[in-house]
Amino acid sequence: MSGAMAKLSLGPVLGFWEADRLRDFYCRIADEAAVDIVYLGEVVCAKRQPFVGPALGEAVERLRAAGKEVVLSSLALIGEERDLAMLRELAEDGAMLIEANDFAAVRLLRGRPHVLGPYLNVYNEGTLEVLAANGAIRLCPPPELPAEALSRLAACGLVALELQIFGRQPLALSARCYHARSRGRRKDNCQYACGEDPDGMLVTTLDGRAFVAVNGIQTLSAAYVELSPVVDAARGMGIDIFRLAPQAIDMVAVVGLYRELLAGRTTPQELRARLAELAFDTAFADGYWHGRAGMLREAG
């Protein structure tokens, strides 16, 4: 196990949550959740920014006052001029650490410390070396990387690695908005259909099995990734930051469970049993870690 103290991070909210809900959420995170790092920002759709921007701005100060490290997350798909303008405005904030989720952001952040988000295709040591020389200090790898590949990236020692161990995994982005199309609307007249499904809209197979979840233009895993059984193995590789993706459940309780795990006060089996009560009927998966289909789950 690595000698560094493990940290918990909270990724950006990916769903379209109304402003009051976001304010309440981050107030609770600031006051009650033992996370070390919090990512804030609209990652999925620039059209949401006018509605959530003020609440996120208020959250920055509240979280920093509570002693949390705050990182601003960029858009993951730059498709229009307004998206690029939003990205440039974010990059001009020299006082905050920024998570780049698009290579346009990487270009704008050249020479400044920044975080590489899971939407960037960083699959090998050569790519990581170039990006570290560009200013990257931390990487949250793409979700599909197996343990073997993560071990090689960690062994480079070029940047800190941050592993998502809970929540829906980001799989793909599209210029089209399937969420709007599912309601018979166009993307430009979506009427913010994604806001009707704060935890994503489940898509099922013909035989009724959950397949993926749709969040606006984003495709997410239907299952929550749950990697508590491999945390010790990840720490042995040198990974010491573990990310939880916010879901529309009691995230303060979820944070508490993983904090107990890192402190050695609970086991992965106990955590999963308690987590199942919070996550209702949502399945857990860990297939990518084991080099298998991501939706699969190892025994345990």
C-alpha atoms as a PDB file:
ATOM      1  CA  MET A   1       0.000   0.000   0.000  1.00  0.00           C
ATOM      2  CA  SER A   2       1.236   3.527  -0.800  1.00  0.00           C
ATOM      3  CA  GLY A   3       2.582   5.509   2.108  1.00  0.00           C
ATOM      4  CA  ALA A   4       0.670   8.684   1.170  1.00  0.00           C
ATOM      5  CA  MET A   5      -2.585   9.440   2.935  1.00  0.00           C
ATOM      6  CA  ALA A   6      -5.552   8.517   0.739  1.00  0.00           C
ATOM      7  CA  LYS A   7      -7.910  11.308  -0.285  1.00  0.00           C
ATOM      8  CA  LEU A   8     -11.553  11.284  -1.324  1.00  0.00           C
ATOM      9  CA  SER A   9     -12.764  13.506  -4.135  1.00  0.00           C
ATOM     10  CA  LEU A  10     -16.246  14.345  -5.369  1.00  0.00           C
ATOM     11  CA  GLY A  11     -16.604  14.673  -9.128  1.00  0.00           C
ATOM     12  CA  PRO A  12     -18.770  17.310 -10.822  1.00  0.00           C
ATOM     13  CA  VAL A  13     -22.529  16.894 -10.865  1.00  0.00           C
ATOM     14  CA  LEU A  14     -23.279  15.588 -14.356  1.00  0.00           C
ATOM     15  CA  GLY A  15     -27.067  15.733 -14.269  1.00  0.00           C
ATOM     16  CA  PHE A  16     -29.067  18.925 -14.750  1.00  0.00           C
ATOM     17  CA  TRP A  17     -30.043  19.788 -11.186  1.00  0.00           C
ATOM     18  CA  GLU A  18     -31.991  22.956 -10.515  1.00  0.00           C
ATOM     19  CA  ALA A  19     -30.089  25.772  -8.790  1.00  0.00           C
ATOM     20  CA  ASP A  20     -31.721  25.366  -5.378  1.00  0.00           C
ATOM     21  CA  ARG A  21     -30.943  21.671  -5.366  1.00  0.00           C
ATOM     22  CA  LEU A  22     -27.308  22.387  -6.216  1.00  0.00           C
ATOM     23  CA  ARG A  23     -27.042  24.974  -3.452  1.00  0.00           C
ATOM     24  CA  ASP A  24     -28.465  22.588  -0.871  1.00  0.00           C
ATOM     25  CA  PHE A  25     -26.252  19.773  -2.121  1.00  0.00           C
ATOM     26  CA  TYR A  26     -23.010  21.699  -1.864  1.00  0.00           C
ATOM     27  CA  CYS A  27     -23.949  23.224   1.488  1.00  0.00           C
ATOM     28  CA  ARG A  28     -24.303  19.710   2.847  1.00  0.00           C
ATOM     29  CA  ILE A  29     -21.060  18.602   1.226  1.00  0.00           C
ATOM     30  CA  ALA A  30     -19.254  21.586   2.755  1.00  0.00           C
ATOM     31  CA  ASP A  31     -20.703  21.103   6.227  1.00  0.00           C
ATOM     32  CA  GLU A  32     -21.118  17.329   6.552  1.00  0.00           C
ATOM     33  CA  ALA A  33     -19.044  15.390   4.010  1.00  0.00           C
ATOM     34  CA  ALA A  34     -15.449  14.353   4.710  1.00  0.00           C
ATOM     35  CA  VAL A  35     -14.186  14.823   1.147  1.00  0.00           C
ATOM     36  CA  ASP A  36     -10.853  16.453   0.436  1.00  0.00           C
ATOM     37  CA  ILE A  37     -11.407  17.621  -3.157  1.00  0.00           C
ATOM     38  CA  VAL A  38     -14.595  18.836  -4.858  1.00  0.00           C
ATOM     39  CA  TYR A  39     -14.973  19.344  -8.621  1.00  0.00           C
ATOM     40  CA  LEU A  40     -17.480  21.973  -9.753  1.00  0.00           C
ATOM     41  CA  GLY A  41     -18.658  22.941 -13.199  1.00  0.00           C
ATOM     42  CA  GLU A  42     -20.980  22.230 -16.112  1.00  0.00           C
ATOM     43  CA  VAL A  43     -19.335  19.375 -17.984  1.00  0.00           C
ATOM     44  CA  VAL A  44     -22.119  18.184 -20.294  1.00  0.00           C
ATOM     45  CA  CYS A  45     -24.066  21.038 -21.893  1.00  0.00           C
ATOM     46  CA  ALA A  46     -23.304  24.766 -22.154  1.00  0.00           C
ATOM     47  CA  LYS A  47     -27.034  25.523 -22.369  1.00  0.00           C
ATOM     48  CA  ARG A  48     -27.338  24.655 -18.688  1.00  0.00           C
ATOM     49  CA  GLN A  49     -24.679  27.127 -17.547  1.00  0.00           C
ATOM     50  CA  PRO A  50     -26.913  30.222 -17.098  1.00  0.00           C
ATOM     51  CA  PHE A  51     -29.145  28.243 -14.732  1.00  0.00           C
ATOM     52  CA  VAL A  52     -26.455  26.559 -12.617  1.00  0.00           C
ATOM     53  CA  GLY A  53     -23.591  29.074 -12.833  1.00  0.00           C
ATOM     54  CA  PRO A  54     -24.624  31.333  -9.908  1.00  0.00           C
ATOM     55  CA  ALA A  55     -25.219  28.357  -7.598  1.00  0.00           C
ATOM     56  CA  LEU A  56     -21.844  26.875  -8.486  1.00  0.00           C
ATOM     57  CA  GLY A  57     -20.155  30.223  -7.879  1.00  0.00           C
ATOM     58  CA  GLU A  58     -21.661  30.385  -4.396  1.00  0.00           C
ATOM     59  CA  ALA A  59     -20.571  26.807  -3.747  1.00  0.00           C
ATOM     60  CA  VAL A  60     -16.915  27.612  -4.456  1.00  0.00           C
ATOM     61  CA  GLU A  61     -16.661  29.995  -1.517  1.00  0.00           C
ATOM     62  CA  ARG A  62     -18.690  27.769   0.803  1.00  0.00           C
ATOM     63  CA  LEU A  63     -16.533  24.729   0.056  1.00  0.00           C
ATOM     64  CA  ARG A  64     -13.239  26.590   0.327  1.00  0.00           C
ATOM     65  CA  ALA A  65     -14.293  28.043   3.656  1.00  0.00           C
ATOM     66  CA  ALA A  66     -14.906  24.473   4.807  1.00  0.00           C
ATOM     67  CA  GLY A  67     -11.322  23.524   3.926  1.00  0.00           C
ATOM     68  CA  LYS A  68     -12.041  21.633   0.704  1.00  0.00           C
ATOM     69  CA  GLU A  69      -9.809  21.863  -2.354  1.00  0.00           C
ATOM     70  CA  VAL A  70     -12.027  23.127  -5.182  1.00  0.00           C
ATOM     71  CA  VAL A  71     -11.334  22.341  -8.841  1.00  0.00           C
ATOM     72  CA  LEU A  72     -13.313  23.843 -11.728  1.00  0.00           C
ATOM     73  CA  SER A  73     -14.321  21.296 -14.382  1.00  0.00           C
ATOM     74  CA  SER A  74     -14.523  22.268 -18.051  1.00  0.00           C
ATOM     75  CA  LEU A  75     -16.970  21.198 -20.741  1.00  0.00           C
ATOM     76  CA  ALA A  76     -16.207  17.800 -22.214  1.00  0.00           C
ATOM     77  CA  LEU A  77     -17.389  18.556 -25.768  1.00  0.00           C
ATOM     78  CA  ILE A  78     -16.803  21.829 -27.575  1.00  0.00           C
ATOM     79  CA  GLY A  79     -19.358  21.951 -30.352  1.00  0.00           C
ATOM     80  CA  GLU A  80     -20.285  25.602 -30.836  1.00  0.00           C
ATOM     81  CA  GLU A  81     -18.766  29.058 -30.509  1.00  0.00           C
ATOM     82  CA  ARG A  82     -20.578  29.630 -27.211  1.00  0.00           C
ATOM     83  CA  ASP A  83     -18.938  26.478 -25.836  1.00  0.00           C
ATOM     84  CA  LEU A  84     -15.512  27.796 -26.768  1.00  0.00           C
ATOM     85  CA  ALA A  85     -16.295  31.190 -25.245  1.00  0.00           C
ATOM     86  CA  MET A  86     -17.348  29.482 -22.026  1.00  0.00           C
ATOM     87  CA  LEU A  87     -14.122  27.477 -22.017  1.00  0.00           C
ATOM     88  CA  ARG A  88     -11.958  30.541 -22.606  1.00  0.00           C
ATOM     89  CA  GLU A  89     -13.665  32.362 -19.756  1.00  0.00           C
ATOM     90  CA  LEU A  90     -12.980  29.440 -17.458  1.00  0.00           C
ATOM     91  CA  ALA A  91      -9.338  29.183 -18.536  1.00  0.00           C
ATOM     92  CA  GLU A  92      -8.816  32.884 -17.834  1.00  0.00           C
ATOM     93  CA  ASP A  93      -9.491  32.271 -14.129  1.00  0.00           C
ATOM     94  CA  GLY A  94      -5.866  32.000 -13.075  1.00  0.00           C
ATOM     95  CA  ALA A  95      -6.711  31.661  -9.384  1.00  0.00           C
ATOM     96  CA  MET A  96      -8.354  28.237  -9.600  1.00  0.00           C
ATOM     97  CA  LEU A  97      -7.132  24.771 -10.537  1.00  0.00           C
ATOM     98  CA  ILE A  98      -9.040  23.532 -13.601  1.00  0.00           C
ATOM     99  CA  GLU A  99      -9.938  20.029 -14.763  1.00  0.00           C
ATOM    100  CA  ALA A 100      -9.547  19.829 -18.543  1.00  0.00           C
ATOM    101  CA  ASN A 101     -12.122  17.523 -20.125  1.00  0.00           C
ATOM    102  CA  ASP A 102     -11.426  18.447 -23.741  1.00  0.00           C
ATOM    103  CA  PHE A 103      -8.114  18.900 -25.534  1.00  0.00           C
ATOM    104  CA  ALA A 104      -9.107  22.479 -26.341  1.00  0.00           C
ATOM    105  CA  ALA A 105      -8.902  23.075 -22.594  1.00  0.00           C
ATOM    106  CA  VAL A 106      -5.514  21.349 -22.455  1.00  0.00           C
ATOM    107  CA  ARG A 107      -4.287  23.768 -25.134  1.00  0.00           C
ATOM    108  CA  LEU A 108      -5.600  26.833 -23.307  1.00  0.00           C
ATOM    109  CA  LEU A 109      -4.060  25.672 -20.005  1.00  0.00           C
ATOM    110  CA  ARG A 110      -0.588  25.042 -21.420  1.00  0.00           C
ATOM    111  CA  GLY A 111       2.105  25.967 -18.918  1.00  0.00           C
ATOM    112  CA  ARG A 112      -0.307  26.087 -15.958  1.00  0.00           C
ATOM    113  CA  PRO A 113      -0.951  23.339 -13.413  1.00  0.00           C
ATOM    114  CA  HIS A 114      -4.189  21.542 -14.267  1.00  0.00           C
ATOM    115  CA  VAL A 115      -6.029  18.227 -13.885  1.00  0.00           C
ATOM    116  CA  LEU A 116      -6.730  15.832 -16.762  1.00  0.00           C
ATOM    117  CA  GLY A 117     -10.326  14.608 -16.636  1.00  0.00           C
ATOM    118  CA  PRO A 118     -11.738  11.191 -17.608  1.00  0.00           C
ATOM    119  CA  TYR A 119     -12.975  12.414 -21.003  1.00  0.00           C
ATOM    120  CA  LEU A 120      -9.431  12.704 -22.388  1.00  0.00           C
ATOM    121  CA  ASN A 121      -7.962   9.703 -24.210  1.00  0.00           C
ATOM    122  CA  VAL A 122      -4.907   9.161 -22.034  1.00  0.00           C
ATOM    123  CA  TYR A 123      -4.084   5.497 -22.501  1.00  0.00           C
ATOM    124  CA  ASN A 124      -0.291   5.214 -22.367  1.00  0.00           C
ATOM    125  CA  GLU A 125       2.876   6.533 -20.817  1.00  0.00           C
ATOM    126  CA  GLY A 126       3.933   8.515 -23.888  1.00  0.00           C
ATOM    127  CA  THR A 127       0.737  10.550 -23.945  1.00  0.00           C
ATOM    128  CA  LEU A 128       0.977  11.162 -20.224  1.00  0.00           C
ATOM    129  CA  GLU A 129       4.575  12.341 -20.552  1.00  0.00           C
ATOM    130  CA  VAL A 130       3.576  14.958 -23.136  1.00  0.00           C
ATOM    131  CA  LEU A 131       0.641  16.162 -21.041  1.00  0.00           C
ATOM    132  CA  ALA A 132       2.705  16.322 -17.851  1.00  0.00           C
ATOM    133  CA  ALA A 133       5.249  18.494 -19.661  1.00  0.00           C
ATOM    134  CA  ASN A 134       2.307  20.704 -20.677  1.00  0.00           C
ATOM    135  CA  GLY A 135       1.451  21.338 -17.012  1.00  0.00           C
ATOM    136  CA  ALA A 136      -0.816  18.468 -15.941  1.00  0.00           C
ATOM    137  CA  ILE A 137      -0.396  17.498 -12.292  1.00  0.00           C
ATOM    138  CA  ARG A 138      -3.191  14.934 -11.887  1.00  0.00           C
ATOM    139  CA  LEU A 139      -5.091  12.467 -14.050  1.00  0.00           C
ATOM    140  CA  CYS A 140      -8.491  10.867 -13.577  1.00  0.00           C
ATOM    141  CA  PRO A 141      -8.118   8.154 -16.251  1.00  0.00           C
ATOM    142  CA  PRO A 142     -10.794   7.094 -18.739  1.00  0.00           C
ATOM    143  CA  PRO A 143     -13.122   4.587 -17.057  1.00  0.00           C
ATOM    144  CA  GLU A 144     -12.385   1.756 -19.485  1.00  0.00           C
ATOM    145  CA  LEU A 145      -8.743   1.359 -18.471  1.00  0.00           C
ATOM    146  CA  PRO A 146      -8.062  -1.964 -16.708  1.00  0.00           C
ATOM    147  CA  ALA A 147      -5.876  -2.377 -13.646  1.00  0.00           C
ATOM    148  CA  GLU A 148      -2.866  -3.400 -15.741  1.00  0.00           C
ATOM    149  CA  ALA A 149      -2.903  -0.162 -17.729  1.00  0.00           C
ATOM    150  CA  LEU A 150      -3.513   1.928 -14.618  1.00  0.00           C
ATOM    151  CA  SER A 151      -0.534   0.303 -12.948  1.00  0.00           C
ATOM    152  CA  ARG A 152       1.732   1.312 -15.845  1.00  0.00           C
ATOM    153  CA  LEU A 153       0.510   4.914 -15.737  1.00  0.00           C
ATOM    154  CA  ALA A 154       0.983   5.079 -11.981  1.00  0.00           C
ATOM    155  CA  ALA A 155       4.479   3.617 -12.230  1.00  0.00           C
ATOM    156  CA  CYS A 156       5.556   6.570 -14.404  1.00  0.00           C
ATOM    157  CA  GLY A 157       5.327   8.873 -11.408  1.00  0.00           C
ATOM    158  CA  LEU A 158       4.626  11.806 -13.738  1.00  0.00           C
ATOM    159  CA  VAL A 159       1.327  12.928 -12.218  1.00  0.00           C
ATOM    160  CA  ALA A 160      -0.950  11.919  -9.360  1.00  0.00           C
ATOM    161  CA  LEU A 161      -3.628   9.401 -10.350  1.00  0.00           C
ATOM    162  CA  GLU A 162      -7.254   9.688  -9.266  1.00  0.00           C
ATOM    163  CA  LEU A 163      -9.538   6.671  -9.663  1.00  0.00           C
ATOM    164  CA  GLN A 164     -13.340   6.810  -9.808  1.00  0.00           C
ATOM    165  CA  ILE A 165     -14.576   4.159  -7.403  1.00  0.00           C
ATOM    166  CA  PHE A 166     -18.284   5.004  -7.183  1.00  0.00           C
ATOM    167  CA  GLY A 167     -21.081   6.219  -9.437  1.00  0.00           C
ATOM    168  CA  ARG A 168     -22.153   6.169 -13.039  1.00  0.00           C
ATOM    169  CA  GLN A 169     -19.210   6.180 -15.433  1.00  0.00           C
ATOM    170  CA  PRO A 170     -18.998   8.611 -18.369  1.00  0.00           C
ATOM    171  CA  LEU A 171     -18.931   6.562 -21.564  1.00  0.00           C
ATOM    172  CA  ALA A 172     -19.558   8.834 -24.551  1.00  0.00           C
ATOM    173  CA  LEU A 173     -20.703  12.244 -25.771  1.00  0.00           C
ATOM    174  CA  SER A 174     -22.618  13.106 -28.915  1.00  0.00           C
ATOM    175  CA  ALA A 175     -23.360  16.298 -30.819  1.00  0.00           C
ATOM    176  CA  ARG A 176     -26.994  15.124 -30.820  1.00  0.00           C
ATOM    177  CA  CYS A 177     -29.201  15.170 -27.733  1.00  0.00           C
ATOM    178  CA  TYR A 178     -30.941  11.837 -27.363  1.00  0.00           C
ATOM    179  CA  HIS A 179     -32.666  13.077 -24.215  1.00  0.00           C
ATOM    180  CA  ALA A 180     -34.464  15.734 -26.253  1.00  0.00           C
ATOM    181  CA  ARG A 181     -35.238  13.290 -29.070  1.00  0.00           C
ATOM    182  CA  SER A 182     -36.797  10.880 -26.583  1.00  0.00           C
ATOM    183  CA  ARG A 183     -39.361  13.602 -25.848  1.00  0.00           C
ATOM    184  CA  GLY A 184     -39.940  14.375 -29.531  1.00  0.00           C
ATOM    185  CA  ARG A 185     -37.938  17.621 -29.406  1.00  0.00           C
ATOM    186  CA  ARG A 186     -34.963  19.061 -31.233  1.00  0.00           C
ATOM    187  CA  LYS A 187     -31.706  19.840 -29.451  1.00  0.00           C
ATOM    188  CA  ASP A 188     -32.198  23.597 -29.956  1.00  0.00           C
ATOM    189  CA  ASN A 189     -35.677  23.349 -28.445  1.00  0.00           C
ATOM    190  CA  CYS A 190     -34.965  20.673 -25.859  1.00  0.00           C
ATOM    191  CA  GLN A 191     -36.884  22.439 -23.066  1.00  0.00           C
ATOM    192  CA  TYR A 192     -34.207  20.936 -20.810  1.00  0.00           C
ATOM    193  CA  ALA A 193     -35.589  17.429 -20.938  1.00  0.00           C
ATOM    194  CA  CYS A 194     -32.515  16.201 -19.052  1.00  0.00           C
ATOM    195  CA  GLY A 195     -33.748  18.013 -15.950  1.00  0.00           C
ATOM    196  CA  GLU A 196     -36.581  15.491 -15.719  1.00  0.00           C
ATOM    197  CA  ASP A 197     -34.057  12.730 -14.965  1.00  0.00           C
ATOM    198  CA  PRO A 198     -31.582  14.058 -12.354  1.00  0.00           C
ATOM    199  CA  ASP A 199     -29.757  10.724 -12.194  1.00  0.00           C
ATOM    200  CA  GLY A 200     -29.939  10.048 -15.929  1.00  0.00           C
ATOM    201  CA  MET A 201     -32.607   8.317 -18.022  1.00  0.00           C
ATOM    202  CA  LEU A 202     -32.209   4.549 -18.102  1.00  0.00           C
ATOM    203  CA  VAL A 203     -32.201   2.854 -21.494  1.00  0.00           C
ATOM    204  CA  THR A 204     -33.169  -0.811 -21.446  1.00  0.00           C
ATOM    205  CA  THR A 205     -32.728  -3.694 -23.851  1.00  0.00           C
ATOM    206  CA  LEU A 206     -35.691  -5.385 -25.548  1.00  0.00           C
ATOM    207  CA  ASP A 207     -35.794  -7.910 -22.717  1.00  0.00           C
ATOM    208  CA  GLY A 208     -35.971  -5.154 -20.098  1.00  0.00           C
ATOM    209  CA  ARG A 209     -32.383  -5.111 -18.792  1.00  0.00           C
ATOM    210  CA  ALA A 210     -30.762  -1.772 -17.924  1.00  0.00           C
ATOM    211  CA  PHE A 211     -28.179  -1.005 -20.620  1.00  0.00           C
ATOM    212  CA  VAL A 212     -26.963   2.605 -20.323  1.00  0.00           C
ATOM    213  CA  ALA A 213     -28.216   5.901 -18.906  1.00  0.00           C
ATOM    214  CA  VAL A 214     -28.687   9.056 -20.980  1.00  0.00           C
ATOM    215  CA  ASN A 215     -27.914  12.524 -19.619  1.00  0.00           C
ATOM    216  CA  GLY A 216     -28.567  15.075 -22.341  1.00  0.00           C
ATOM    217  CA  ILE A 217     -25.849  14.513 -24.957  1.00  0.00           C
ATOM    218  CA  GLN A 218     -23.996  12.162 -22.623  1.00  0.00           C
ATOM    219  CA  THR A 219     -24.105   8.388 -22.296  1.00  0.00           C
ATOM    220  CA  LEU A 220     -23.388   6.997 -18.833  1.00  0.00           C
ATOM    221  CA  SER A 221     -23.190   3.498 -17.462  1.00  0.00           C
ATOM    222  CA  ALA A 222     -26.486   2.174 -16.163  1.00  0.00           C
ATOM    223  CA  ALA A 223     -24.772   0.581 -13.180  1.00  0.00           C
ATOM    224  CA  TYR A 224     -22.777   2.432 -10.559  1.00  0.00           C
ATOM    225  CA  VAL A 225     -19.133   1.477 -10.639  1.00  0.00           C
ATOM    226  CA  GLU A 226     -18.189   0.212  -7.163  1.00  0.00           C
ATOM    227  CA  LEU A 227     -14.513  -0.535  -6.560  1.00  0.00           C
ATOM    228  CA  SER A 228     -14.209  -0.800  -2.782  1.00  0.00           C
ATOM    229  CA  PRO A 229     -12.743  -4.358  -3.020  1.00  0.00           C
ATOM    230  CA  VAL A 230      -9.781  -3.107  -5.090  1.00  0.00           C
ATOM    231  CA  VAL A 231      -8.905   0.060  -3.179  1.00  0.00           C
ATOM    232  CA  ASP A 232      -5.980  -1.629  -1.422  1.00  0.00           C
ATOM    233  CA  ALA A 233      -4.677  -2.916  -4.756  1.00  0.00           C
ATOM    234  CA  ALA A 234      -4.992   0.569  -6.262  1.00  0.00           C
ATOM    235  CA  ARG A 235      -3.133   2.088  -3.336  1.00  0.00           C
ATOM    236  CA  GLY A 236      -0.418  -0.503  -3.824  1.00  0.00           C
ATOM    237  CA  MET A 237       0.017   0.873  -7.356  1.00  0.00           C
ATOM    238  CA  GLY A 238       0.436   4.372  -5.966  1.00  0.00           C
ATOM    239  CA  ILE A 239      -3.121   5.637  -6.516  1.00  0.00           C
ATOM    240  CA  ASP A 240      -4.144   7.679  -3.491  1.00  0.00           C
ATOM    241  CA  ILE A 241      -7.084   9.812  -4.681  1.00  0.00           C
ATOM    242  CA  PHE A 242     -10.450   8.130  -5.042  1.00  0.00           C
ATOM    243  CA  ARG A 243     -13.346   9.835  -6.816  1.00  0.00           C
ATOM    244  CA  LEU A 244     -17.039   9.503  -6.057  1.00  0.00           C
ATOM    245  CA  ALA A 245     -19.459  10.628  -8.775  1.00  0.00           C
ATOM    246  CA  PRO A 246     -22.477  12.531  -7.402  1.00  0.00           C
ATOM    247  CA  GLN A 247     -25.761  10.694  -7.867  1.00  0.00           C
ATOM    248  CA  ALA A 248     -29.325  11.602  -6.923  1.00  0.00           C
ATOM    249  CA  ILE A 249     -29.056   9.756  -3.603  1.00  0.00           C
ATOM    250  CA  ASP A 250     -27.724  10.666  -0.143  1.00  0.00           C
ATOM    251  CA  MET A 251     -24.144  11.475  -1.123  1.00  0.00           C
ATOM    252  CA  VAL A 252     -23.171  12.568   2.367  1.00  0.00           C
ATOM    253  CA  ALA A 253     -23.934   9.037   3.539  1.00  0.00           C
ATOM    254  CA  VAL A 254     -22.030   7.603   0.563  1.00  0.00           C
ATOM    255  CA  VAL A 255     -18.985   9.718   1.392  1.00  0.00           C
ATOM    256  CA  GLY A 256     -19.184   8.500   4.975  1.00  0.00           C
ATOM    257  CA  LEU A 257     -19.089   4.864   3.866  1.00  0.00           C
ATOM    258  CA  TYR A 258     -15.971   5.320   1.754  1.00  0.00           C
ATOM    259  CA  ARG A 259     -14.268   7.381   4.455  1.00  0.00           C
ATOM    260  CA  GLU A 260     -14.833   4.490   6.854  1.00  0.00           C
ATOM    261  CA  LEU A 261     -13.393   2.107   4.264  1.00  0.00           C
ATOM    262  CA  LEU A 262     -10.220   4.171   3.816  1.00  0.00           C
ATOM    263  CA  ALA A 263      -9.845   4.395   7.582  1.00  0.00           C
ATOM    264  CA  GLY A 264     -10.139   0.614   7.932  1.00  0.00           C
ATOM    265  CA  ARG A 265     -13.330   0.810   9.962  1.00  0.00           C
ATOM    266  CA  THR A 266     -15.458  -1.205   7.527  1.00  0.00           C
ATOM    267  CA  THR A 267     -14.969  -3.892   4.911  1.00  0.00           C
ATOM    268  CA  PRO A 268     -15.894  -3.797   1.206  1.00  0.00           C
ATOM    269  CA  GLN A 269     -18.611  -6.367   1.873  1.00  0.00           C
ATOM    270  CA  GLU A 270     -20.139  -4.255   4.639  1.00  0.00           C
ATOM    271  CA  LEU A 271     -19.860  -1.134   2.490  1.00  0.00           C
ATOM    272  CA  ARG A 272     -21.653  -2.754  -0.446  1.00  0.00           C
ATOM    273  CA  ALA A 273     -24.461  -3.984   1.775  1.00  0.00           C
ATOM    274  CA  ARG A 274     -25.022  -0.501   3.202  1.00  0.00           C
ATOM    275  CA  LEU A 275     -24.573   1.142  -0.192  1.00  0.00           C
ATOM    276  CA  ALA A 276     -27.257  -1.096  -1.708  1.00  0.00           C
ATOM    277  CA  GLU A 277     -29.740   0.392   0.752  1.00  0.00           C
ATOM    278  CA  LEU A 278     -28.889   3.920  -0.423  1.00  0.00           C
ATOM    279  CA  ALA A 279     -28.779   3.141  -4.149  1.00  0.00           C
ATOM    280  CA  PHE A 280     -32.187   1.430  -4.289  1.00  0.00           C
ATOM    281  CA  ASP A 281     -32.305  -0.943  -7.272  1.00  0.00           C
ATOM    282  CA  THR A 282     -29.211   0.332  -9.093  1.00  0.00           C
ATOM    283  CA  ALA A 283     -26.723  -2.423  -9.909  1.00  0.00           C
ATOM    284  CA  PHE A 284     -23.003  -2.254  -9.141  1.00  0.00           C
ATOM    285  CA  ALA A 285     -20.268  -3.021 -11.675  1.00  0.00           C
ATOM    286  CA  ASP A 286     -16.481  -3.316 -11.766  1.00  0.00           C
ATOM    287  CA  GLY A 287     -15.807  -5.029 -15.091  1.00  0.00           C
ATOM    288  CA  TYR A 288     -13.398  -2.475 -16.572  1.00  0.00           C
ATOM    289  CA  TRP A 289     -10.961  -2.816 -13.678  1.00  0.00           C
ATOM    290  CA  HIS A 290     -10.735  -6.540 -14.360  1.00  0.00           C
ATOM    291  CA  GLY A 291     -10.313  -6.110 -18.123  1.00  0.00           C
ATOM    292  CA  ARG A 292     -13.850  -7.262 -18.879  1.00  0.00           C
ATOM    293  CA  ALA A 293     -17.042  -5.604 -20.132  1.00  0.00           C
ATOM    294  CA  GLY A 294     -17.667  -2.605 -17.918  1.00  0.00           C
ATOM    295  CA  MET A 295     -21.224  -3.599 -16.980  1.00  0.00           C
ATOM    296  CA  LEU A 296     -20.066  -6.855 -15.382  1.00  0.00           C
ATOM    297  CA  ARG A 297     -19.419  -7.416 -11.715  1.00  0.00           C
ATOM    298  CA  GLU A 298     -16.962  -9.756 -10.068  1.00  0.00           C
ATOM    299  CA  ALA A 299     -18.231 -11.891  -7.203  1.00  0.00           C
ATOM    300  CA  GLY A 300     -18.299 -10.156  -3.851  1.00  0.00           C
END
